């Protein structure tokens, strides 16, 4: 389609951008566009790094409850991981753990037009997004999305695991379509990986990836080599309509396999 219509730009879900970047022909067609808009889910880091200096990136952030957020254009395209949020959104960052903060809206009557949360919920003065961010180390107003609050796993030893950070290590592999780390209430994390449809992926290869990742983790949150499930083509990881993982339903789908990991 891109080859036939040759658009100046387009709005894509991140999973589509990833698919286009995996093949040289479609990647070259993508690079010819002057701008790319995306939203609905985070973009894989390797994809963003590949494209950020090739095309003009525009991320659209918002939700059904809060409407679209006002964002400023980044001065450095290589910092595409960060959102530069306009102060008229009326937000603050509430500390959760380490460098993770929940983004919280506070009602500001003078900025009502930008605060969709209080139009949707007129009786509230504060709205918790349940989304976690890390502030930029030097640039005020710049925040990096780190996942949902319920993505922060708590093991039985009370150690906390940032599932999204661990998943990124596997999602950057070209033969892995998606990865999910779980283990809330368990003694150690587990990993479910879904191979790319046209790629081979064996247990030993996944375990080698885990060994490499574990070298950068504290011992109490390392993924045991035996805590691996490779999803079949008939039972892929469950996704929401916008392409993001549905963690709860995926865990339900693989409940028996997960329980066997801890016997």
Protein backbone atom coordinates (compact mmCIF):
# COMPACT_ATOMS: atom_id res chain seq x y z
CA UNK A 1 0.00 0.00 0.00
CA UNK A 2 2.78 2.46 0.94
CA UNK A 3 4.52 1.78 -2.36
CA UNK A 4 1.39 2.53 -4.37
CA UNK A 5 0.09 5.67 -2.67
CA UNK A 6 3.46 7.06 -1.46
CA UNK A 7 2.02 9.20 1.37
CA UNK A 8 3.77 12.26 2.78
CA UNK A 9 3.18 10.80 6.23
CA UNK A 10 0.85 8.69 8.29
CA UNK A 11 -0.52 7.78 11.70
CA UNK A 12 0.45 4.27 12.81
CA UNK A 13 0.16 2.09 15.86
CA UNK A 14 3.68 1.19 17.11
CA UNK A 15 3.30 -2.50 16.26
CA UNK A 16 2.77 -1.57 12.59
CA UNK A 17 5.87 0.64 12.56
CA UNK A 18 7.85 -2.25 14.02
CA UNK A 19 6.62 -4.63 11.32
CA UNK A 20 7.54 -2.13 8.59
CA UNK A 21 11.05 -1.73 10.03
CA UNK A 22 11.71 -5.47 10.01
CA UNK A 23 11.80 -5.67 6.20
CA UNK A 24 14.21 -3.60 4.12
CA UNK A 25 11.71 -2.74 1.38
CA UNK A 26 9.01 -1.43 3.71
CA UNK A 27 11.63 0.32 5.86
CA UNK A 28 12.88 2.28 2.86
CA UNK A 29 9.30 3.29 2.02
CA UNK A 30 8.78 4.43 5.61
CA UNK A 31 11.94 6.57 5.50
CA UNK A 32 10.63 8.44 2.46
CA UNK A 33 7.79 9.92 4.50
CA UNK A 34 8.37 13.38 5.93
CA UNK A 35 6.55 12.66 9.18
CA UNK A 36 5.27 9.75 11.23
CA UNK A 37 2.61 10.05 13.90
CA UNK A 38 2.07 7.25 16.39
CA UNK A 39 0.23 6.59 19.61
CA UNK A 40 -1.73 4.10 21.65
CA UNK A 41 1.33 2.27 22.98
CA UNK A 42 5.08 2.76 23.50
CA UNK A 43 7.38 2.39 20.51
CA UNK A 44 10.14 -0.24 20.70
CA UNK A 45 13.42 1.52 21.47
CA UNK A 46 15.33 0.05 18.55
CA UNK A 47 12.59 1.22 16.18
CA UNK A 48 12.64 4.76 17.52
CA UNK A 49 16.42 4.93 17.38
CA UNK A 50 16.32 3.72 13.79
CA UNK A 51 13.83 6.32 12.61
CA UNK A 52 14.23 9.39 14.83
CA UNK A 53 16.81 11.10 12.60
CA UNK A 54 15.22 9.91 9.34
CA UNK A 55 11.70 11.32 9.65
CA UNK A 56 9.83 13.86 11.76
CA UNK A 57 8.32 12.01 14.75
CA UNK A 58 5.03 13.12 16.30
CA UNK A 59 3.71 11.16 19.27
CA UNK A 60 0.06 11.52 20.25
CA UNK A 61 -0.60 10.98 23.96
CA UNK A 62 -3.94 10.79 25.71
CA UNK A 63 -6.72 8.47 26.78
CA UNK A 64 -10.48 8.10 26.72
CA UNK A 65 -10.64 9.61 30.22
CA UNK A 66 -8.23 12.51 29.70
CA UNK A 67 -8.53 13.36 25.98
CA UNK A 68 -5.43 14.37 24.00
CA UNK A 69 -2.56 15.96 25.91
CA UNK A 70 -0.87 19.19 24.78
CA UNK A 71 2.76 18.38 23.93
CA UNK A 72 5.59 20.61 22.77
CA UNK A 73 7.92 19.67 19.91
CA UNK A 74 11.22 18.21 21.12
CA UNK A 75 14.29 20.26 20.28
CA UNK A 76 16.45 17.15 19.88
CA UNK A 77 14.81 14.32 17.85
CA UNK A 78 17.17 11.80 19.44
CA UNK A 79 15.29 12.30 22.71
CA UNK A 80 12.12 10.88 21.15
CA UNK A 81 11.59 8.68 24.25
CA UNK A 82 10.55 11.78 26.20
CA UNK A 83 7.32 13.75 26.08
CA UNK A 84 7.63 17.50 26.55
CA UNK A 85 4.34 18.20 28.28
CA UNK A 86 2.79 21.66 28.18
CA UNK A 87 2.29 22.99 31.71
CA UNK A 88 -1.33 23.79 30.87
CA UNK A 89 -2.11 20.11 31.27
CA UNK A 90 -2.03 20.87 35.00
CA UNK A 91 -0.08 17.85 36.18
CA UNK A 92 2.36 16.84 38.88
CA UNK A 93 4.58 13.80 39.39
CA UNK A 94 3.91 11.72 42.50
CA UNK A 95 6.80 9.51 43.62
CA UNK A 96 6.16 5.77 43.54
CA UNK A 97 9.51 3.95 43.63
CA UNK A 98 13.09 4.80 42.68
CA UNK A 99 12.97 7.04 39.60
CA UNK A 100 9.32 6.17 38.88
CA UNK A 101 6.57 8.73 39.34
CA UNK A 102 2.85 8.57 38.70
CA UNK A 103 1.47 11.41 36.58
CA UNK A 104 -1.41 13.05 38.42
CA UNK A 105 -3.77 15.78 37.16
CA UNK A 106 -4.81 18.64 39.44
CA UNK A 107 -7.85 20.71 38.56
CA UNK A 108 -6.88 24.17 37.25
CA UNK A 109 -9.97 26.19 36.24
CA UNK A 110 -7.92 28.51 34.02
CA UNK A 111 -6.71 25.50 31.98
CA UNK A 112 -10.04 23.70 31.79
CA UNK A 113 -9.89 23.24 28.01
CA UNK A 114 -6.75 21.10 28.37
CA UNK A 115 -7.99 19.00 31.31
CA UNK A 116 -10.28 16.40 29.82
CA UNK A 117 -10.18 14.30 32.99
CA UNK A 118 -12.28 16.85 34.88
CA UNK A 119 -14.80 17.13 32.07
CA UNK A 120 -15.18 13.35 32.15
CA UNK A 121 -15.18 13.31 35.98
CA UNK A 122 -16.60 16.69 37.05
CA UNK A 123 -16.71 15.83 40.77
CA UNK A 124 -12.96 15.16 41.00
CA UNK A 125 -10.25 17.70 41.79
CA UNK A 126 -7.40 15.20 41.39
CA UNK A 127 -7.12 12.43 38.83
CA UNK A 128 -4.55 9.62 39.07
CA UNK A 129 -3.56 8.29 35.64
CA UNK A 130 -1.92 5.08 36.98
CA UNK A 131 0.85 5.76 34.41
CA UNK A 132 4.49 5.80 35.50
CA UNK A 133 7.09 8.24 34.19
CA UNK A 134 10.71 9.15 34.80
CA UNK A 135 11.66 12.84 34.62
CA UNK A 136 14.45 13.94 32.29
CA UNK A 137 17.65 14.45 34.32
CA UNK A 138 18.17 18.03 33.12
CA UNK A 139 15.11 19.24 31.18
CA UNK A 140 12.00 20.33 33.13
CA UNK A 141 8.70 19.17 31.72
CA UNK A 142 10.28 16.26 29.83
CA UNK A 143 9.13 12.84 31.02
CA UNK A 144 9.69 9.32 29.76
CA UNK A 145 6.87 6.79 29.87
CA UNK A 146 7.81 3.69 31.88
CA UNK A 147 4.58 1.70 32.02
CA UNK A 148 1.42 1.27 34.02
CA UNK A 149 1.44 1.30 37.79
CA UNK A 150 0.24 -2.31 37.82
CA UNK A 151 3.23 -3.26 35.61
CA UNK A 152 5.43 -2.78 38.69
CA UNK A 153 5.61 -6.33 40.01
CA UNK A 154 6.10 -7.11 43.68
CA UNK A 155 7.67 -10.50 44.45
CA UNK A 156 6.99 -12.44 47.63
CA UNK A 157 10.29 -11.12 49.03
CA UNK A 158 8.88 -7.59 48.50
CA UNK A 159 11.46 -6.94 45.79
CA UNK A 160 10.00 -4.80 42.99
CA UNK A 161 10.45 -5.61 39.31
CA UNK A 162 9.91 -3.14 36.47
CA UNK A 163 8.40 -5.50 33.94
CA UNK A 164 8.61 -3.05 31.02
CA UNK A 165 12.34 -2.53 31.45
CA UNK A 166 13.04 -6.27 31.38
CA UNK A 167 10.71 -6.85 28.44
CA UNK A 168 12.55 -4.30 26.32
CA UNK A 169 15.66 -6.51 26.41
CA UNK A 170 13.73 -9.26 24.62
CA UNK A 171 11.56 -7.08 22.39
CA UNK A 172 14.65 -5.70 20.67
CA UNK A 173 15.49 -9.18 19.36
CA UNK A 174 14.43 -9.58 15.73
CA UNK A 175 13.12 -13.13 16.21
CA UNK A 176 10.85 -12.16 19.13
CA UNK A 177 7.49 -10.62 18.36
CA UNK A 178 6.59 -9.84 21.96
CA UNK A 179 7.71 -10.63 25.50
CA UNK A 180 5.95 -10.43 28.83
CA UNK A 181 7.52 -10.59 32.29
CA UNK A 182 5.28 -11.50 35.21
CA UNK A 183 5.57 -12.85 38.72
CA UNK A 184 3.48 -10.64 40.98
CA UNK A 185 3.24 -12.47 44.31
CA UNK A 186 5.73 -15.12 43.16
CA UNK A 187 9.25 -15.78 44.53
CA UNK A 188 10.85 -14.91 41.17
CA UNK A 189 9.85 -13.47 37.78
CA UNK A 190 8.81 -15.53 34.77
CA UNK A 191 9.06 -14.81 31.06
CA UNK A 192 6.67 -15.57 28.20
CA UNK A 193 8.03 -14.94 24.70
CA UNK A 194 6.19 -15.01 21.40
CA UNK A 195 8.42 -15.75 18.38
CA UNK A 196 8.11 -13.89 15.10
CA UNK A 197 5.96 -15.95 12.74
CA UNK A 198 8.77 -16.59 10.26
CA UNK A 199 11.62 -17.00 12.77
CA UNK A 200 12.98 -19.92 14.77
CA UNK A 201 13.31 -19.50 18.52
CA UNK A 202 14.55 -22.23 20.83
CA UNK A 203 14.67 -22.47 24.60
CA UNK A 204 18.46 -22.37 24.75
CA UNK A 205 18.54 -19.14 22.75
CA UNK A 206 16.04 -17.52 25.11
CA UNK A 207 18.04 -18.71 28.11
CA UNK A 208 21.16 -17.10 26.64
CA UNK A 209 19.24 -13.82 26.43
CA UNK A 210 18.17 -14.23 30.05
CA UNK A 211 21.76 -14.85 31.18
CA UNK A 212 22.85 -11.64 29.50
CA UNK A 213 20.02 -9.66 31.08
CA UNK A 214 20.59 -11.15 34.54
CA UNK A 215 24.15 -9.81 34.54
CA UNK A 216 22.68 -6.31 34.85
CA UNK A 217 20.11 -7.18 37.54
CA UNK A 218 20.36 -7.56 41.29
CA UNK A 219 20.19 -11.25 42.31
CA UNK A 220 16.77 -10.92 43.95
CA UNK A 221 15.01 -9.99 40.68
CA UNK A 222 16.88 -12.20 38.19
CA UNK A 223 14.77 -14.41 35.92
CA UNK A 224 15.53 -18.11 36.60
CA UNK A 225 16.52 -19.93 33.42
CA UNK A 226 13.75 -22.48 33.90
CA UNK A 227 11.04 -19.79 34.23
CA UNK A 228 10.46 -19.54 30.49
CA UNK A 229 7.36 -20.19 28.40
CA UNK A 230 7.55 -19.99 24.61
CA UNK A 231 4.14 -19.09 23.22
CA UNK A 232 2.85 -21.12 20.30
CA UNK A 233 1.40 -19.69 17.10
CA UNK A 234 -1.99 -21.06 18.19
CA UNK A 235 -1.77 -19.25 21.55
CA UNK A 236 -0.10 -15.87 21.02
CA UNK A 237 0.16 -13.31 23.79
CA UNK A 238 -3.20 -11.62 24.24
CA UNK A 239 -3.38 -8.05 22.99
CA UNK A 240 -5.73 -5.13 23.36
CA UNK A 241 -7.23 -3.46 20.30
CA UNK A 242 -4.36 -0.95 20.04
CA UNK A 243 -1.74 -3.71 20.02
CA UNK A 244 -0.52 -3.47 23.61
CA UNK A 245 -0.25 -6.57 25.77
CA UNK A 246 -3.23 -7.56 27.86
CA UNK A 247 -1.30 -8.83 30.88
CA UNK A 248 -4.25 -10.08 32.87
CA UNK A 249 -5.74 -12.14 30.04
CA UNK A 250 -2.32 -13.46 29.00
CA UNK A 251 -1.70 -14.67 32.55
CA UNK A 252 -5.15 -16.28 32.56
CA UNK A 253 -4.40 -17.96 29.22
CA UNK A 254 -1.12 -19.42 30.51
CA UNK A 255 -2.19 -19.96 34.11
CA UNK A 256 -1.43 -23.69 34.19
CA UNK A 257 2.00 -23.33 32.56
CA UNK A 258 2.90 -20.49 34.95
CA UNK A 259 1.93 -22.50 38.02
CA UNK A 260 4.06 -25.45 36.85
CA UNK A 261 7.12 -23.18 36.81
CA UNK A 262 6.97 -22.85 40.59
CA UNK A 263 6.41 -26.50 41.54
